[in-house]
N, C-alpha and C. Protein backbone atom coordinates (compact mmCIF):
# COMPACT_ATOMS: atom_id res chain seq x y z
N UNK A 1 12.69 -14.91 -32.59
CA UNK A 1 11.68 -14.53 -32.73
C UNK A 1 11.56 -13.06 -33.74
N UNK A 2 11.13 -13.29 -34.38
CA UNK A 2 10.44 -12.50 -36.07
C UNK A 2 9.94 -11.58 -35.12
N UNK A 3 10.27 -9.95 -35.91
CA UNK A 3 9.68 -8.59 -35.28
C UNK A 3 8.09 -8.94 -35.12
N UNK A 4 7.90 -9.32 -36.05
CA UNK A 4 6.42 -8.89 -36.61
C UNK A 4 5.45 -10.29 -35.20
N UNK A 5 5.70 -11.38 -35.23
CA UNK A 5 5.51 -12.02 -34.35
C UNK A 5 5.58 -11.33 -32.71
N UNK A 6 6.71 -10.48 -32.72
CA UNK A 6 6.92 -10.14 -31.21
C UNK A 6 5.95 -8.72 -30.76
N UNK A 7 5.43 -7.99 -31.95
CA UNK A 7 4.81 -6.88 -32.18
C UNK A 7 3.58 -7.60 -31.87
N UNK A 8 3.15 -8.97 -32.73
CA UNK A 8 1.97 -9.32 -32.35
C UNK A 8 1.41 -9.28 -30.80
N UNK A 9 2.61 -10.17 -30.44
CA UNK A 9 2.43 -10.80 -29.18
C UNK A 9 2.54 -9.37 -28.00
N UNK A 10 2.54 -8.49 -28.29
CA UNK A 10 2.57 -7.31 -27.55
C UNK A 10 1.59 -6.60 -27.60
N UNK A 11 0.70 -6.62 -28.82
CA UNK A 11 -0.58 -5.74 -28.85
C UNK A 11 -2.07 -6.46 -28.85
N UNK A 12 -1.85 -8.39 -28.25
CA UNK A 12 -2.78 -8.98 -28.18
C UNK A 12 -3.26 -8.70 -26.73
N UNK A 13 -4.42 -9.04 -25.99
CA UNK A 13 -5.32 -8.84 -25.22
C UNK A 13 -4.72 -9.78 -24.03
N UNK A 14 -5.02 -9.20 -22.63
CA UNK A 14 -4.48 -10.06 -21.67
C UNK A 14 -5.67 -11.03 -21.56
N UNK A 15 -4.48 -12.56 -21.37
CA UNK A 15 -5.50 -14.00 -21.31
C UNK A 15 -6.74 -13.43 -20.10
N UNK A 16 -7.52 -15.01 -20.24
CA UNK A 16 -8.73 -14.69 -18.96
C UNK A 16 -8.05 -14.83 -17.38
N UNK A 17 -6.70 -15.63 -17.25
CA UNK A 17 -6.31 -15.70 -16.33
C UNK A 17 -5.86 -14.72 -15.54
N UNK A 18 -5.06 -13.69 -16.86
CA UNK A 18 -4.27 -12.58 -16.53
C UNK A 18 -5.69 -11.20 -16.31
N UNK A 19 -6.59 -11.46 -16.06
CA UNK A 19 -7.83 -10.43 -16.13
C UNK A 19 -8.24 -10.53 -14.79
N UNK A 20 -8.58 -12.52 -14.36
CA UNK A 20 -8.90 -12.57 -12.95
C UNK A 20 -8.07 -12.43 -12.20
N UNK A 21 -7.02 -12.44 -11.97
CA UNK A 21 -5.95 -12.05 -11.36
C UNK A 21 -5.53 -10.40 -11.47
N UNK A 22 -5.77 -10.12 -11.82
CA UNK A 22 -5.31 -8.36 -12.19
C UNK A 22 -7.03 -8.09 -11.20
N UNK A 23 -7.97 -8.50 -11.59
CA UNK A 23 -9.12 -8.46 -10.73
C UNK A 23 -9.24 -8.59 -9.17
N UNK A 24 -8.54 -9.97 -8.74
CA UNK A 24 -8.55 -10.28 -7.67
C UNK A 24 -7.02 -9.52 -6.57
N UNK A 25 -6.44 -9.12 -7.27
CA UNK A 25 -5.67 -8.27 -6.76
C UNK A 25 -6.13 -6.54 -6.65
N UNK A 26 -7.02 -6.28 -7.34
CA UNK A 26 -7.71 -4.91 -7.12
C UNK A 26 -8.22 -5.12 -5.83
N UNK A 27 -9.48 -6.27 -5.46
CA UNK A 27 -10.28 -6.47 -4.89
C UNK A 27 -9.20 -6.78 -3.25
N UNK A 28 -8.53 -7.07 -3.05
CA UNK A 28 -7.09 -7.46 -2.19
C UNK A 28 -6.89 -6.44 -1.65
N UNK A 29 -6.27 -5.26 -2.71
CA UNK A 29 -5.71 -3.80 -2.06
C UNK A 29 -6.91 -3.11 -1.87
N UNK A 30 -8.08 -3.30 -2.31
CA UNK A 30 -9.28 -2.18 -1.71
C UNK A 30 -9.91 -2.53 0.04
N UNK A 31 -9.56 -4.03 -0.25
CA UNK A 31 -10.25 -4.50 1.33
C UNK A 31 -8.97 -3.96 2.44
N UNK A 32 -7.26 -4.67 1.64
CA UNK A 32 -6.39 -4.19 2.27
C UNK A 32 -6.61 -2.75 3.51
N UNK A 33 -6.76 -1.69 2.22
CA UNK A 33 -7.08 -0.33 2.14
C UNK A 33 -7.80 0.07 3.26
N UNK A 34 -9.54 -0.54 2.88
CA UNK A 34 -10.26 -0.23 3.83
C UNK A 34 -10.29 -0.71 5.12
N UNK A 35 -9.47 -1.53 5.62
CA UNK A 35 -9.25 -2.23 6.87
C UNK A 35 -8.08 -1.23 7.75
N UNK A 36 -7.28 -0.18 7.02
CA UNK A 36 -6.41 0.66 7.36
C UNK A 36 -5.54 -0.44 7.26
N UNK A 37 -5.02 -1.15 6.76
CA UNK A 37 -3.69 -2.47 6.62
C UNK A 37 -3.54 -2.90 7.76
N UNK A 38 -4.83 -3.47 8.09
CA UNK A 38 -4.60 -4.14 9.53
C UNK A 38 -4.73 -5.24 9.02
N UNK A 39 -5.74 -5.97 7.99
CA UNK A 39 -6.35 -6.97 8.05
C UNK A 39 -5.14 -8.46 7.13
N UNK A 40 -4.85 -9.54 8.12
CA UNK A 40 -4.38 -10.04 7.54
C UNK A 40 -4.84 -11.26 6.20
N UNK A 41 -3.93 -12.73 5.97
CA UNK A 41 -4.55 -13.12 4.66
C UNK A 41 -6.47 -13.65 5.02
N UNK A 42 -6.47 -14.26 6.47
CA UNK A 42 -7.33 -14.63 7.18
C UNK A 42 -8.83 -14.00 6.41
N UNK A 43 -8.81 -12.68 7.15
CA UNK A 43 -9.43 -11.62 7.23
C UNK A 43 -10.17 -11.07 6.21
N UNK A 44 -9.02 -10.98 5.38
CA UNK A 44 -9.71 -10.63 3.71
C UNK A 44 -9.53 -11.47 3.18
N UNK A 45 -9.80 -12.58 3.24
CA UNK A 45 -10.29 -13.70 2.96
C UNK A 45 -11.58 -13.54 3.16
N UNK A 46 -12.02 -13.26 4.58
CA UNK A 46 -13.56 -13.48 4.99
C UNK A 46 -14.06 -12.15 4.31
N UNK A 47 -13.48 -11.07 4.57
CA UNK A 47 -14.15 -9.79 4.16
C UNK A 47 -14.79 -10.06 2.04
N UNK A 48 -13.60 -10.68 1.30
CA UNK A 48 -14.03 -10.96 0.24
C UNK A 48 -14.83 -12.38 -0.11
N UNK A 49 -15.20 -13.17 1.01
CA UNK A 49 -15.97 -14.06 0.57
C UNK A 49 -17.62 -13.37 0.91
N UNK A 50 -17.77 -12.13 2.32
CA UNK A 50 -19.07 -11.81 2.24
C UNK A 50 -19.03 -10.85 1.60
N UNK A 51 -19.03 -10.27 0.60
CA UNK A 51 -18.78 -9.01 -0.32
C UNK A 51 -20.05 -9.64 -1.77
N UNK A 52 -20.73 -8.66 -1.72
CA UNK A 52 -21.63 -8.85 -2.80
C UNK A 52 -20.54 -9.02 -4.01
N UNK A 53 -20.04 -8.22 -4.19
CA UNK A 53 -19.41 -8.67 -5.12
C UNK A 53 -18.54 -9.68 -5.95
N UNK A 54 -18.92 -10.59 -7.24
CA UNK A 54 -18.35 -11.78 -7.35
C UNK A 54 -16.95 -11.64 -7.45
N UNK A 55 -16.05 -12.53 -6.95
CA UNK A 55 -14.69 -12.32 -7.18
C UNK A 55 -14.21 -13.63 -7.74
N UNK A 56 -13.05 -14.16 -8.49
CA UNK A 56 -12.58 -15.35 -8.70
C UNK A 56 -12.04 -16.42 -7.49
N UNK A 57 -12.51 -17.31 -7.33
CA UNK A 57 -11.95 -18.44 -6.14
C UNK A 57 -11.20 -19.12 -6.87
N UNK A 58 -11.07 -19.97 -8.23
CA UNK A 58 -9.92 -20.82 -8.48
C UNK A 58 -8.55 -20.26 -9.10
N UNK A 59 -8.35 -19.36 -8.10
CA UNK A 59 -6.78 -18.69 -8.66
C UNK A 59 -5.80 -19.84 -8.41
N UNK A 60 -4.72 -20.68 -9.28
CA UNK A 60 -4.05 -21.15 -8.81
C UNK A 60 -2.90 -20.69 -8.30
N UNK A 61 -1.81 -20.52 -7.49
CA UNK A 61 -0.71 -20.07 -7.52
C UNK A 61 0.16 -19.79 -8.03
N UNK A 62 1.10 -18.66 -8.75
CA UNK A 62 1.96 -19.46 -9.80
C UNK A 62 3.47 -19.41 -9.20
């Protein structure tokens, strides 16, 4: 890999998928913290679905 290619890669913006995953991570973290860290994945999912804020639903596992 050339130096210029590396620096160009390093400075580029995050992809749409990376942005969606970052948003989803933030939302899940907030729901978990608001529940005093007691919600499991089913209750966290239900809380996210019932919230007014839109969230990405088509994120395949990596």
